[in-house]
């Protein structure tokens, strides 16, 4: 598995990519909004595709009886 980037570092890097037009706090809000859209789509369709980024699926975990992110 690839190394994970801590969220705080991720949002700092996103803010840097926006050339000073966003702070890490704003980048976090954008990231959370994107995450909310993906979750809503997964609730409606159980899978969605973010063009250029990948496929997302919601599956039911047999062990926990709850949903698991993939």
Protein backbone atom coordinates (compact mmCIF):
# COMPACT_ATOMS: atom_id res chain seq x y z
CA UNK A 1 0.00 0.00 0.00
CA UNK A 2 1.23 3.48 -0.79
CA UNK A 3 2.14 5.91 1.95
CA UNK A 4 -0.78 7.91 3.27
CA UNK A 5 -0.61 11.69 3.36
CA UNK A 6 -1.90 13.15 6.63
CA UNK A 7 -4.99 15.29 5.95
CA UNK A 8 -3.39 18.45 7.28
CA UNK A 9 -0.48 18.07 4.85
CA UNK A 10 -2.87 17.19 2.02
CA UNK A 11 -4.87 20.39 2.52
CA UNK A 12 -1.71 22.51 2.70
CA UNK A 13 -0.57 21.00 -0.63
CA UNK A 14 -4.01 21.62 -2.21
CA UNK A 15 -3.92 25.25 -1.04
CA UNK A 16 -0.45 25.64 -2.56
CA UNK A 17 -1.72 24.30 -5.90
CA UNK A 18 -4.35 27.06 -5.92
CA UNK A 19 -1.57 29.69 -6.09
CA UNK A 20 -2.47 31.58 -2.95
CA UNK A 21 -6.18 31.87 -3.79
CA UNK A 22 -7.12 29.51 -0.96
CA UNK A 23 -5.99 28.78 2.56
CA UNK A 24 -5.61 25.25 3.95
CA UNK A 25 -8.92 25.85 5.78
CA UNK A 26 -10.66 26.67 2.49
CA UNK A 27 -9.01 23.64 0.85
CA UNK A 28 -10.41 21.48 3.68
CA UNK A 29 -13.90 22.85 3.02
CA UNK A 30 -13.55 22.04 -0.69
CA UNK A 31 -12.31 18.53 0.14
CA UNK A 32 -15.15 17.92 2.58
CA UNK A 33 -17.67 19.16 0.00
CA UNK A 34 -16.27 16.76 -2.61
CA UNK A 35 -16.40 13.93 -0.08
CA UNK A 36 -20.04 14.77 0.71
CA UNK A 37 -20.96 14.66 -2.99
CA UNK A 38 -19.30 11.26 -3.37
CA UNK A 39 -21.06 9.88 -0.28
CA UNK A 40 -24.43 11.17 -1.49
CA UNK A 41 -23.90 9.53 -4.87
CA UNK A 42 -22.91 6.28 -3.19
CA UNK A 43 -26.07 6.35 -1.08
CA UNK A 44 -28.18 6.83 -4.20
CA UNK A 45 -26.39 4.49 -6.60
CA UNK A 46 -23.98 2.33 -4.56
CA UNK A 47 -21.24 3.29 -7.02
CA UNK A 48 -20.02 6.37 -8.85
CA UNK A 49 -17.19 7.39 -11.13
CA UNK A 50 -15.22 10.61 -10.70
CA UNK A 51 -13.83 11.32 -14.16
CA UNK A 52 -10.05 11.30 -14.12
CA UNK A 53 -9.89 10.07 -10.53
CA UNK A 54 -11.51 6.65 -10.33
CA UNK A 55 -14.40 4.44 -9.39
CA UNK A 56 -16.01 4.40 -5.95
CA UNK A 57 -18.25 1.64 -4.60
CA UNK A 58 -20.22 1.08 -1.42
CA UNK A 59 -20.24 -2.52 -0.25
CA UNK A 60 -21.90 -4.20 2.66
CA UNK A 61 -19.36 -5.74 5.01
CA UNK A 62 -20.46 -9.24 6.02
CA UNK A 63 -18.49 -9.07 9.26
CA UNK A 64 -19.74 -5.75 10.60
CA UNK A 65 -23.11 -5.63 8.85
CA UNK A 66 -22.32 -2.03 7.88
CA UNK A 67 -21.03 -0.23 4.85
CA UNK A 68 -17.34 -0.14 4.10
CA UNK A 69 -15.52 2.42 1.96
CA UNK A 70 -13.46 1.08 -0.94
